[in-house]
Protein backbone atom coordinates (compact mmCIF):
# COMPACT_ATOMS: atom_id res chain seq x y z
CA MET A 1 -2.12 26.14 -2.08
CA TYR A 2 -4.99 26.18 0.36
CA SER A 3 -8.04 28.38 0.79
CA SER A 4 -9.88 29.03 4.04
CA ASP A 5 -13.64 28.62 4.39
CA ILE A 6 -15.85 29.14 7.40
CA THR A 7 -18.06 26.19 8.33
CA TYR A 8 -20.40 25.57 11.24
CA ASP A 9 -20.96 22.62 13.52
CA VAL A 10 -24.22 21.52 15.09
CA ASN A 11 -23.88 24.22 17.77
CA ASP A 12 -23.41 26.97 15.16
CA LYS A 13 -19.85 27.60 16.30
CA PRO A 14 -17.65 28.76 13.43
CA LYS A 15 -14.49 26.89 12.62
CA THR A 16 -11.89 27.19 9.86
CA LEU A 17 -11.51 24.36 7.38
CA LEU A 18 -8.52 24.22 5.03
CA GLU A 19 -9.01 22.52 1.68
CA PRO A 20 -6.89 22.35 -1.50
CA ILE A 21 -7.90 25.14 -3.87
CA TYR A 22 -8.94 22.76 -6.61
CA PHE A 23 -11.54 21.25 -4.25
CA THR A 24 -13.19 24.64 -3.57
CA SER A 25 -14.05 25.91 -7.03
CA ASN A 26 -17.71 24.90 -7.36
CA HIS A 27 -20.90 23.84 -5.61
CA TYR A 28 -19.34 20.56 -4.44
CA GLN A 29 -17.44 22.56 -1.84
CA GLN A 30 -20.76 23.68 -0.34
CA LYS A 31 -21.66 20.05 0.24
CA LEU A 32 -18.32 19.44 1.92
CA ASN A 33 -19.05 22.27 4.35
CA LYS A 34 -21.61 20.10 6.10
CA SER A 35 -20.25 19.43 9.61
CA GLN A 36 -20.36 15.64 9.51
CA TYR A 37 -20.33 13.11 6.71
CA SER A 38 -19.93 9.37 6.95
CA ILE A 39 -17.62 7.45 4.64
CA LYS A 40 -20.70 6.08 2.86
CA ASP A 41 -22.04 9.62 2.35
CA LEU A 42 -18.81 10.79 0.75
CA ILE A 43 -18.60 7.75 -1.52
CA GLN A 44 -22.15 8.49 -2.62
CA LEU A 45 -21.33 12.17 -3.28
CA ALA A 46 -18.30 11.12 -5.33
CA SER A 47 -20.47 8.80 -7.44
CA GLN A 48 -22.72 11.74 -8.35
CA VAL A 49 -19.92 13.84 -9.86
CA ASN A 50 -20.20 14.15 -13.64
CA VAL A 51 -16.68 13.12 -14.69
CA LYS A 52 -15.54 13.11 -18.30
CA HIS A 53 -12.39 12.10 -20.18
CA GLY A 54 -11.31 13.40 -23.56
CA ALA A 55 -8.41 14.60 -25.65
CA ASN A 56 -7.91 17.52 -23.28
CA GLY A 57 -7.67 15.28 -20.22
CA CYS A 58 -9.87 14.76 -17.19
CA TYR A 59 -12.89 16.79 -16.17
CA GLN A 60 -13.85 16.86 -12.47
CA CYS A 61 -11.87 13.76 -11.46
CA HIS A 62 -10.16 16.02 -8.93
CA ILE A 63 -13.55 16.56 -7.27
CA VAL A 64 -14.00 12.81 -6.85
CA CYS A 65 -10.51 12.67 -5.40
CA GLY A 66 -11.47 15.43 -2.95
CA TYR A 67 -14.39 13.44 -1.56
CA TYR A 68 -12.26 10.30 -1.20
CA MET A 69 -9.43 12.20 0.50
CA LYS A 70 -11.82 13.73 2.99
CA ALA A 71 -13.39 10.35 3.77
CA LEU A 72 -9.99 8.76 4.34
CA LYS A 73 -8.99 11.69 6.52
CA TYR A 74 -12.03 11.02 8.75
CA ALA A 75 -11.08 7.35 9.00
CA ARG A 76 -7.44 8.06 9.85
CA GLU A 77 -8.38 10.46 12.64
CA GLN A 78 -9.41 7.43 14.71
CA GLU A 79 -6.60 5.80 16.67
CA PRO A 80 -6.26 3.02 15.81
CA VAL A 81 -8.08 3.09 12.48
CA VAL A 82 -11.32 1.07 12.50
CA CYS A 83 -11.23 -1.21 9.45
CA ASN A 84 -14.63 -2.34 8.19
CA GLN A 85 -16.66 -2.83 5.03
CA ASP A 86 -17.13 0.93 4.47
CA LEU A 87 -13.41 1.65 4.65
CA PHE A 88 -12.65 -1.33 2.42
CA GLU A 89 -15.13 0.00 -0.15
CA LEU A 90 -13.61 3.50 0.08
CA VAL A 91 -10.09 2.24 -0.55
CA SER A 92 -11.35 0.10 -3.45
CA GLU A 93 -12.93 3.17 -5.04
CA MET A 94 -9.76 5.21 -4.50
CA ILE A 95 -7.71 2.47 -6.16
CA ASN A 96 -10.12 2.29 -9.10
CA LEU A 97 -9.59 6.04 -9.57
CA VAL A 98 -5.81 5.63 -9.42
CA LEU A 99 -5.67 2.69 -11.83
CA SER A 100 -7.97 4.36 -14.35
CA HIS A 101 -5.44 7.22 -14.53
CA ARG A 102 -2.12 5.39 -14.16
CA GLU A 103 -1.37 5.56 -17.90
CA THR A 104 -2.53 9.17 -18.17
CA SER A 105 -0.26 10.11 -15.26
CA THR A 106 2.81 9.11 -17.31
CA TYR A 107 2.28 11.94 -19.82
CA GLN A 108 -0.13 14.43 -18.19
CA LEU A 109 0.39 16.46 -15.01
CA LEU A 110 -2.22 15.36 -12.47
CA PRO A 111 -1.52 17.01 -9.06
CA TRP A 112 -4.47 15.25 -7.44
CA PHE A 113 -3.17 11.86 -8.66
CA ASP A 114 0.12 12.29 -6.83
CA MET A 115 -1.72 13.50 -3.74
CA LEU A 116 -4.07 10.52 -3.76
CA THR A 117 -1.38 7.89 -4.28
CA LEU A 118 0.85 9.32 -1.55
CA GLU A 119 -2.09 9.22 0.85
CA LEU A 120 -2.80 5.59 -0.01
CA TRP A 121 0.85 4.53 0.28
CA ASP A 122 1.10 6.19 3.69
CA PHE A 123 -2.17 4.63 4.83
CA ALA A 124 -0.90 1.12 4.03
CA LYS A 125 2.19 1.83 6.11
CA GLN A 126 0.01 3.00 9.02
CA LEU A 127 -2.14 -0.14 8.88
CA LYS A 128 0.97 -2.31 8.84
CA GLU A 129 2.28 -0.55 11.95
CA GLU A 130 -1.08 -0.98 13.73
CA SER A 131 -1.46 -4.64 12.78
CA ILE A 132 -1.16 -7.27 15.52
CA GLU A 133 -0.27 -9.99 12.98
CA ASN A 134 3.00 -10.86 11.28
CA ASP A 135 3.16 -11.17 7.52
CA LEU A 136 4.29 -14.33 5.76
CA PHE A 137 7.74 -14.84 4.31
CA ILE A 138 7.66 -14.82 0.52
CA PRO A 139 10.88 -15.65 -1.40
CA ALA A 140 11.99 -13.03 -3.90
CA SER A 141 11.22 -15.51 -6.69
CA GLY A 142 7.57 -15.74 -5.60
CA ILE A 143 7.75 -19.55 -5.57
CA ILE A 144 6.21 -21.04 -2.42
CA ARG A 145 4.11 -24.03 -1.34
CA GLN A 146 0.39 -23.19 -1.26
CA ASP A 147 -0.14 -24.96 2.08
CA SER A 148 2.31 -22.58 3.73
CA ILE A 149 0.11 -19.53 3.01
CA ASP A 150 -3.40 -20.91 3.58
CA SER A 151 -5.31 -18.91 6.20
CA ASP A 152 -7.14 -20.29 9.22
CA GLU A 153 -10.68 -19.04 8.70
CA ASP A 154 -11.85 -20.41 12.08
CA GLU A 155 -9.76 -17.82 13.91
CA GLU A 156 -10.51 -14.92 11.59
CA ASP A 157 -11.00 -11.51 13.20
CA ASP A 158 -13.11 -9.24 10.97
CA GLU A 159 -11.24 -6.02 11.69
CA GLU A 160 -7.82 -7.60 11.15
CA ALA A 161 -9.14 -9.32 8.01
CA TYR A 162 -10.33 -5.99 6.57
CA LYS A 163 -7.01 -4.43 7.52
CA ARG A 164 -5.17 -7.14 5.59
CA ALA A 165 -7.55 -6.86 2.63
CA ILE A 166 -6.96 -3.11 2.41
CA ARG A 167 -3.19 -3.57 2.54
CA VAL A 168 -3.36 -6.20 -0.22
CA SER A 169 -5.31 -3.77 -2.42
CA ILE A 170 -2.93 -0.86 -1.85
CA TYR A 171 0.26 -2.89 -2.29
CA HIS A 172 -1.06 -4.40 -5.51
CA CYS A 173 -2.09 -0.97 -6.78
CA ARG A 174 1.32 0.50 -5.93
CA ALA A 175 3.10 -2.35 -7.71
CA LEU A 176 1.01 -1.77 -10.85
CA VAL A 177 1.74 1.97 -10.78
CA CYS A 178 5.48 1.31 -10.33
CA GLU A 179 5.47 -1.14 -13.22
CA GLN A 180 3.56 1.34 -15.40
CA HIS A 181 6.29 3.90 -14.68
CA LYS A 182 9.02 1.32 -15.48
CA ASP A 183 10.25 1.18 -11.86
CA ILE A 184 10.68 -2.59 -11.80
CA GLU A 185 12.65 -2.72 -8.55
CA GLN A 186 9.86 -1.02 -6.60
CA ALA A 187 7.22 -3.06 -8.44
CA LEU A 188 8.93 -6.21 -7.18
CA VAL A 189 9.01 -4.83 -3.63
CA TYR A 190 5.25 -4.20 -3.58
CA TYR A 191 4.19 -7.34 -5.41
CA ARG A 192 6.11 -9.19 -2.72
CA LYS A 193 4.48 -7.15 0.05
CA CYS A 194 1.07 -7.89 -1.49
CA ALA A 195 1.80 -11.61 -1.59
CA SER A 196 3.19 -11.65 1.97
CA VAL A 197 -0.02 -10.41 3.63
CA ARG A 198 -1.91 -13.28 5.23
CA PRO A 199 -4.81 -14.29 2.92
CA THR A 200 -8.39 -13.11 3.46
CA VAL A 201 -11.68 -14.41 2.08
CA PHE A 202 -12.73 -11.00 0.75
CA GLU A 203 -12.93 -10.63 -3.00
CA PRO A 204 -10.98 -9.83 -5.07
CA GLN A 205 -8.03 -10.24 -2.69
CA PRO A 206 -7.27 -13.93 -3.54
CA SER A 207 -6.97 -13.07 -7.23
CA LEU A 208 -4.87 -9.97 -6.47
CA GLN A 209 -2.42 -12.06 -4.46
CA LYS A 210 -2.37 -14.76 -7.15
CA ASN A 211 -1.55 -12.03 -9.66
CA ALA A 212 1.21 -10.75 -7.35
CA PHE A 213 2.81 -14.20 -7.22
CA SER A 214 2.66 -14.46 -11.03
CA ALA A 215 4.17 -10.98 -11.42
CA LEU A 216 6.99 -11.82 -8.99
CA GLN A 217 7.89 -14.92 -10.99
CA ARG A 218 7.59 -13.08 -14.30
CA LEU A 219 9.74 -10.11 -13.25
CA HIS A 220 12.15 -12.25 -11.24
CA SER A 221 13.00 -14.30 -14.32
CA THR A 222 14.23 -11.17 -16.14
CA ARG A 223 15.92 -9.55 -13.14
CA PRO A 224 19.75 -9.58 -12.89
CA THR A 225 20.97 -12.14 -10.33
CA LEU A 226 23.26 -9.60 -8.68
CA THR A 227 20.35 -7.25 -7.98
CA LEU A 228 18.16 -10.09 -6.75
CA LYS A 229 20.65 -11.00 -4.04
CA HIS A 230 20.94 -7.36 -2.85
CA ARG A 231 24.71 -7.64 -3.16
CA SER A 232 27.09 -4.82 -3.99
CA SER A 233 30.76 -3.98 -3.66
CA SER A 234 29.97 -2.24 -0.37
CA ALA A 235 28.54 -5.37 1.29
CA TYR A 236 30.43 -6.58 4.34
CA SER A 237 30.00 -9.22 7.02
CA SER A 238 30.69 -10.02 10.69
CA ASP A 239 30.86 -13.28 12.69
CA SER A 240 27.13 -13.28 13.49
CA HIS A 241 25.57 -11.70 10.41
CA SER A 242 26.23 -9.74 7.25
CA TYR A 243 25.15 -6.30 6.12
CA SER A 244 24.11 -5.49 2.60
CA SER A 245 23.47 -2.08 1.05
CA SER A 246 21.85 -0.98 -2.20
CA GLN A 247 20.30 2.12 -3.65
CA SER A 248 16.75 0.88 -2.96
CA PHE A 249 15.19 0.20 0.43
CA LEU A 250 15.26 -3.30 1.88
CA SER A 251 12.19 -4.77 3.56
CA CYS A 252 12.47 -6.81 6.77
CA SER A 253 11.43 -10.40 6.04
CA ASN A 254 9.57 -10.61 9.35
CA CYS A 255 7.86 -7.28 10.05
CA GLY A 256 8.15 -5.42 6.73
CA THR A 257 10.08 -2.42 8.07
CA GLU A 258 11.97 -0.64 5.29
CA LYS A 259 15.57 0.61 5.56
CA GLN A 260 18.45 1.23 3.16
CA ARG A 261 20.70 -1.08 5.16
CA MET A 262 19.91 -3.90 7.56
CA PRO A 263 21.34 -7.28 8.72
CA VAL A 264 20.87 -10.29 6.46
CA CYS A 265 20.83 -14.01 7.18
CA ALA A 266 24.41 -15.17 7.84
CA LYS A 267 23.79 -18.42 5.97
CA CYS A 268 22.20 -17.39 2.67
CA LYS A 269 23.22 -13.71 2.90
CA ILE A 270 19.99 -12.72 1.14
CA GLN A 271 17.08 -12.35 3.59
CA PRO A 272 17.16 -8.96 5.39
CA TYR A 273 16.05 -8.34 8.98
CA CYS A 274 15.67 -5.04 10.82
CA SER A 275 16.72 -6.53 14.17
CA VAL A 276 18.05 -9.65 15.86
CA ARG A 277 14.58 -10.10 17.38
CA CYS A 278 12.98 -10.31 13.92
CA MET A 279 15.74 -12.64 12.73
CA LYS A 280 15.06 -15.04 15.61
CA SER A 281 11.28 -14.72 15.27
CA HIS A 282 11.43 -15.60 11.58
CA LYS A 283 14.06 -18.34 11.91
CA SER A 284 11.74 -21.37 11.79
CA THR A 285 9.99 -20.06 8.67
CA HIS A 286 13.15 -19.02 6.86
CA GLU A 287 14.87 -22.35 7.51
CA LEU A 288 12.40 -23.96 5.07
CA THR A 289 13.90 -22.05 2.13
CA CYS A 290 17.32 -20.95 3.37
CA SER A 291 20.28 -22.49 1.59
CA LYS A 292 23.96 -21.71 1.89
CA GLU A 293 25.32 -19.67 -1.01
CA GLU A 294 28.72 -20.56 -2.35
């Protein structure tokens, strides 16, 4: 799967660099052997690749993917990840590559496509874990008052804002890919995640989140009520809260953690929480929409 090449750093000390074989087949690999590249450099190199699409599929799109993957790898090596304009631009370019191939990926084998999407999905999860902010609560129906999601621009932190903007982009992209592959349950999960991220002023994030709300309402209207409520014959309850299980993962309404089973609100028996702490933290917000189910 991987080939080994010898590269040199600024002190002419050899080191081994492992790259996927399909990134090492031509002169682009020689450029990648340079010891240091910035994210901007790699985006520029990717833009110079002569890609083509025809009846026989893609030509050199895997090379573009290689540059993007390397750039994201550089960014993720920092702990925590530094989110800025360059990283936002990189993720936007990666998403454009994914979306331009999402239909093709349903009938043509694209190993690099799967590799790229998995990297993006995992990156969004990492940013969520590193975030110091809580997401908003968005009902499964996607119907919510606009004034409850407006952001406070006076207290905006650039790095956190870029982090949110990147997550919005990735969640929206993942939802579109899921919907393209007819996985409506997962599409709903990620449209909701996209909508739940606190708004940013960066374009096109407002329109992406507006689209996510519309998609939630559209898909929700055709979704079976039983599935919507996450109820099954295996659901059971206790004096303080109820547990619900389903084949898909549930997402904590407060922090976004995903599990196959977690506590739900004892009153409405719908909203899931990964812990009592999250349940208490989210109580004041959930009370606005919580209603007792008969």
